[in-house]
């Protein structure tokens, strides 16, 4: 298993993006030094990664919200 990118404790590297060139409306990623975090409408907050399935569900929930869905 790959080693974690601190401060993340899991061995996964991920980056999910929704937007257009030059504008990130929603995104989830982890990087060394920052760990797991979420980008949503210009704000960056910590993200509590629990599983790949939950990560994908949370990402699509944000996308639906931005597109005016439920």
N, C-alpha and C. Protein backbone atom coordinates (compact mmCIF):
# COMPACT_ATOMS: atom_id res chain seq x y z
N UNK A 1 0.84 -1.18 0.00
CA UNK A 1 0.00 0.00 0.00
C UNK A 1 0.89 1.24 0.00
N UNK A 2 0.53 2.27 -0.78
CA UNK A 2 1.33 3.49 -0.79
C UNK A 2 1.34 4.15 0.58
N UNK A 3 2.37 4.91 0.86
CA UNK A 3 2.43 5.60 2.14
C UNK A 3 1.58 6.87 2.08
N UNK A 4 0.98 7.27 3.20
CA UNK A 4 0.12 8.45 3.24
C UNK A 4 0.89 9.74 2.95
N UNK A 5 0.16 10.74 2.45
CA UNK A 5 0.71 12.08 2.26
C UNK A 5 0.29 12.89 3.48
N UNK A 6 1.19 13.07 4.46
CA UNK A 6 0.83 13.73 5.71
C UNK A 6 0.17 15.10 5.46
N UNK A 7 -0.83 15.48 6.21
CA UNK A 7 -1.32 14.81 7.41
C UNK A 7 -2.38 13.75 7.17
N UNK A 8 -2.68 13.37 5.93
CA UNK A 8 -3.62 12.27 5.68
C UNK A 8 -3.05 10.98 6.26
N UNK A 9 -3.94 10.11 6.73
CA UNK A 9 -3.46 8.86 7.31
C UNK A 9 -3.72 7.65 6.41
N UNK A 10 -4.48 7.84 5.33
CA UNK A 10 -4.73 6.76 4.37
C UNK A 10 -3.70 6.84 3.25
N UNK A 11 -3.60 5.82 2.45
CA UNK A 11 -2.60 5.78 1.38
C UNK A 11 -3.12 6.18 0.01
N UNK A 12 -4.23 6.90 -0.03
CA UNK A 12 -4.82 7.29 -1.31
C UNK A 12 -4.46 8.71 -1.69
N UNK A 13 -4.29 8.94 -2.97
CA UNK A 13 -4.11 10.29 -3.52
C UNK A 13 -5.29 10.53 -4.44
N UNK A 14 -5.98 11.65 -4.27
CA UNK A 14 -7.16 11.92 -5.09
C UNK A 14 -7.30 13.41 -5.38
N UNK A 15 -8.01 13.70 -6.46
CA UNK A 15 -8.33 15.06 -6.83
C UNK A 15 -9.58 15.05 -7.70
N UNK A 16 -10.66 15.61 -7.19
CA UNK A 16 -11.93 15.71 -7.91
C UNK A 16 -12.19 17.18 -8.19
N UNK A 17 -12.63 17.51 -9.40
CA UNK A 17 -12.79 18.90 -9.82
C UNK A 17 -14.10 19.08 -10.56
N UNK A 18 -14.82 20.17 -10.24
CA UNK A 18 -15.98 20.58 -11.01
C UNK A 18 -15.87 22.08 -11.21
N UNK A 19 -15.92 22.51 -12.46
CA UNK A 19 -15.83 23.94 -12.75
C UNK A 19 -15.59 24.15 -14.23
N UNK A 20 -14.91 25.22 -14.52
CA UNK A 20 -14.55 25.57 -15.89
C UNK A 20 -13.14 26.14 -15.86
N UNK A 21 -12.53 26.34 -17.00
CA UNK A 21 -11.15 26.83 -16.98
C UNK A 21 -10.98 28.08 -16.11
N UNK A 22 -10.11 27.98 -15.14
CA UNK A 22 -9.81 29.09 -14.26
C UNK A 22 -10.75 29.25 -13.08
N UNK A 23 -11.81 28.44 -13.00
CA UNK A 23 -12.78 28.55 -11.91
C UNK A 23 -13.10 27.17 -11.34
N UNK A 24 -12.73 26.95 -10.09
CA UNK A 24 -13.07 25.69 -9.42
C UNK A 24 -14.29 25.97 -8.55
N UNK A 25 -15.43 25.42 -8.93
CA UNK A 25 -16.66 25.59 -8.16
C UNK A 25 -16.71 24.61 -7.00
N UNK A 26 -16.26 23.38 -7.25
CA UNK A 26 -16.23 22.35 -6.22
C UNK A 26 -15.04 21.45 -6.47
N UNK A 27 -14.44 20.99 -5.41
CA UNK A 27 -13.32 20.07 -5.55
C UNK A 27 -12.95 19.43 -4.23
N UNK A 28 -12.41 18.25 -4.33
CA UNK A 28 -11.92 17.52 -3.16
C UNK A 28 -10.54 17.00 -3.54
N UNK A 29 -9.57 17.20 -2.67
CA UNK A 29 -8.24 16.66 -2.94
C UNK A 29 -7.45 16.55 -1.65
N UNK A 30 -6.31 15.93 -1.77
CA UNK A 30 -5.39 15.86 -0.64
C UNK A 30 -3.99 16.08 -1.20
N UNK A 31 -3.22 16.79 -0.44
CA UNK A 31 -1.85 17.05 -0.85
C UNK A 31 -0.98 17.10 0.39
N UNK A 32 0.27 16.79 0.20
CA UNK A 32 1.22 16.80 1.30
C UNK A 32 1.22 18.17 1.97
N UNK A 33 1.12 18.18 3.29
CA UNK A 33 1.11 19.42 4.04
C UNK A 33 -0.28 19.97 4.31
N UNK A 34 -1.24 19.67 3.45
CA UNK A 34 -2.62 20.14 3.64
C UNK A 34 -3.55 19.01 4.05
N UNK A 35 -3.31 17.83 3.56
CA UNK A 35 -4.20 16.71 3.85
C UNK A 35 -5.50 16.79 3.08
N UNK A 36 -6.49 16.09 3.56
CA UNK A 36 -7.79 16.02 2.89
C UNK A 36 -8.52 17.34 3.06
N UNK A 37 -9.01 17.89 1.95
CA UNK A 37 -9.77 19.13 2.05
C UNK A 37 -10.75 19.28 0.90
N UNK A 38 -11.69 20.19 1.10
CA UNK A 38 -12.79 20.44 0.17
C UNK A 38 -12.74 21.90 -0.27
N UNK A 39 -12.99 22.12 -1.55
CA UNK A 39 -13.14 23.46 -2.10
C UNK A 39 -14.60 23.60 -2.53
N UNK A 40 -15.25 24.67 -2.10
CA UNK A 40 -16.65 24.89 -2.50
C UNK A 40 -16.91 26.38 -2.59
N UNK A 41 -17.21 26.85 -3.79
CA UNK A 41 -17.52 28.24 -4.07
C UNK A 41 -16.50 29.20 -3.46
N UNK A 42 -15.23 28.90 -3.67
CA UNK A 42 -14.16 29.79 -3.24
C UNK A 42 -13.64 29.57 -1.83
N UNK A 43 -14.30 28.74 -1.04
CA UNK A 43 -13.84 28.47 0.33
C UNK A 43 -13.17 27.10 0.38
N UNK A 44 -12.12 27.00 1.19
CA UNK A 44 -11.42 25.74 1.40
C UNK A 44 -11.57 25.33 2.85
N UNK A 45 -12.03 24.11 3.08
CA UNK A 45 -12.22 23.60 4.43
C UNK A 45 -11.65 22.19 4.54
N UNK A 46 -11.35 21.78 5.76
CA UNK A 46 -10.87 20.42 5.99
C UNK A 46 -11.98 19.44 5.62
N UNK A 47 -11.59 18.26 5.17
CA UNK A 47 -12.54 17.20 4.81
C UNK A 47 -12.17 15.94 5.58
N UNK A 48 -13.16 15.34 6.24
CA UNK A 48 -12.93 14.10 7.00
C UNK A 48 -13.14 12.90 6.07
N UNK A 49 -12.07 12.45 5.44
CA UNK A 49 -12.13 11.29 4.54
C UNK A 49 -12.46 10.04 5.33
N UNK A 50 -13.50 9.30 4.86
CA UNK A 50 -13.85 8.03 5.51
C UNK A 50 -13.76 6.86 4.53
N UNK A 51 -14.16 7.09 3.26
CA UNK A 51 -14.09 6.04 2.25
C UNK A 51 -14.17 6.68 0.87
N UNK A 52 -13.75 5.93 -0.13
CA UNK A 52 -13.85 6.41 -1.51
C UNK A 52 -15.31 6.63 -1.88
N UNK A 53 -16.17 5.71 -1.46
CA UNK A 53 -17.59 5.82 -1.78
C UNK A 53 -18.19 7.10 -1.21
N UNK A 54 -17.86 7.43 0.04
CA UNK A 54 -18.39 8.64 0.66
C UNK A 54 -17.82 9.89 0.00
N UNK A 55 -16.55 9.85 -0.35
CA UNK A 55 -15.91 10.97 -1.05
C UNK A 55 -16.65 11.27 -2.35
N UNK A 56 -16.91 10.25 -3.15
CA UNK A 56 -17.60 10.44 -4.43
C UNK A 56 -19.03 10.94 -4.18
N UNK A 57 -19.72 10.40 -3.20
CA UNK A 57 -21.08 10.84 -2.88
C UNK A 57 -21.09 12.31 -2.46
N UNK A 58 -20.13 12.72 -1.62
CA UNK A 58 -20.07 14.11 -1.18
C UNK A 58 -19.77 15.05 -2.35
N UNK A 59 -18.87 14.62 -3.23
CA UNK A 59 -18.53 15.43 -4.40
C UNK A 59 -19.77 15.63 -5.28
N UNK A 60 -20.48 14.54 -5.62
CA UNK A 60 -21.65 14.66 -6.48
C UNK A 60 -22.78 15.43 -5.81
N UNK A 61 -22.86 15.37 -4.50
CA UNK A 61 -23.85 16.17 -3.78
C UNK A 61 -23.56 17.66 -3.98
N UNK A 62 -22.29 18.05 -3.88
CA UNK A 62 -21.91 19.44 -4.12
C UNK A 62 -22.22 19.86 -5.57
N UNK A 63 -21.92 19.00 -6.51
CA UNK A 63 -22.19 19.30 -7.92
C UNK A 63 -23.69 19.50 -8.14
N UNK A 64 -24.50 18.62 -7.57
CA UNK A 64 -25.95 18.77 -7.70
C UNK A 64 -26.42 20.09 -7.11
N UNK A 65 -25.89 20.46 -5.95
CA UNK A 65 -26.24 21.73 -5.32
C UNK A 65 -25.91 22.90 -6.23
N UNK A 66 -24.72 22.88 -6.82
CA UNK A 66 -24.30 23.97 -7.72
C UNK A 66 -25.16 24.04 -8.97
N UNK A 67 -25.67 22.91 -9.39
CA UNK A 67 -26.48 22.87 -10.61
C UNK A 67 -27.97 23.10 -10.32
N UNK A 68 -28.28 23.39 -9.04
CA UNK A 68 -29.65 23.69 -8.67
C UNK A 68 -30.51 22.50 -8.36
N UNK A 69 -29.89 21.33 -8.23
CA UNK A 69 -30.63 20.11 -7.93
C UNK A 69 -30.68 19.84 -6.44
N UNK A 70 -31.26 18.74 -6.11
CA UNK A 70 -31.36 18.34 -4.70
C UNK A 70 -30.50 17.13 -4.44
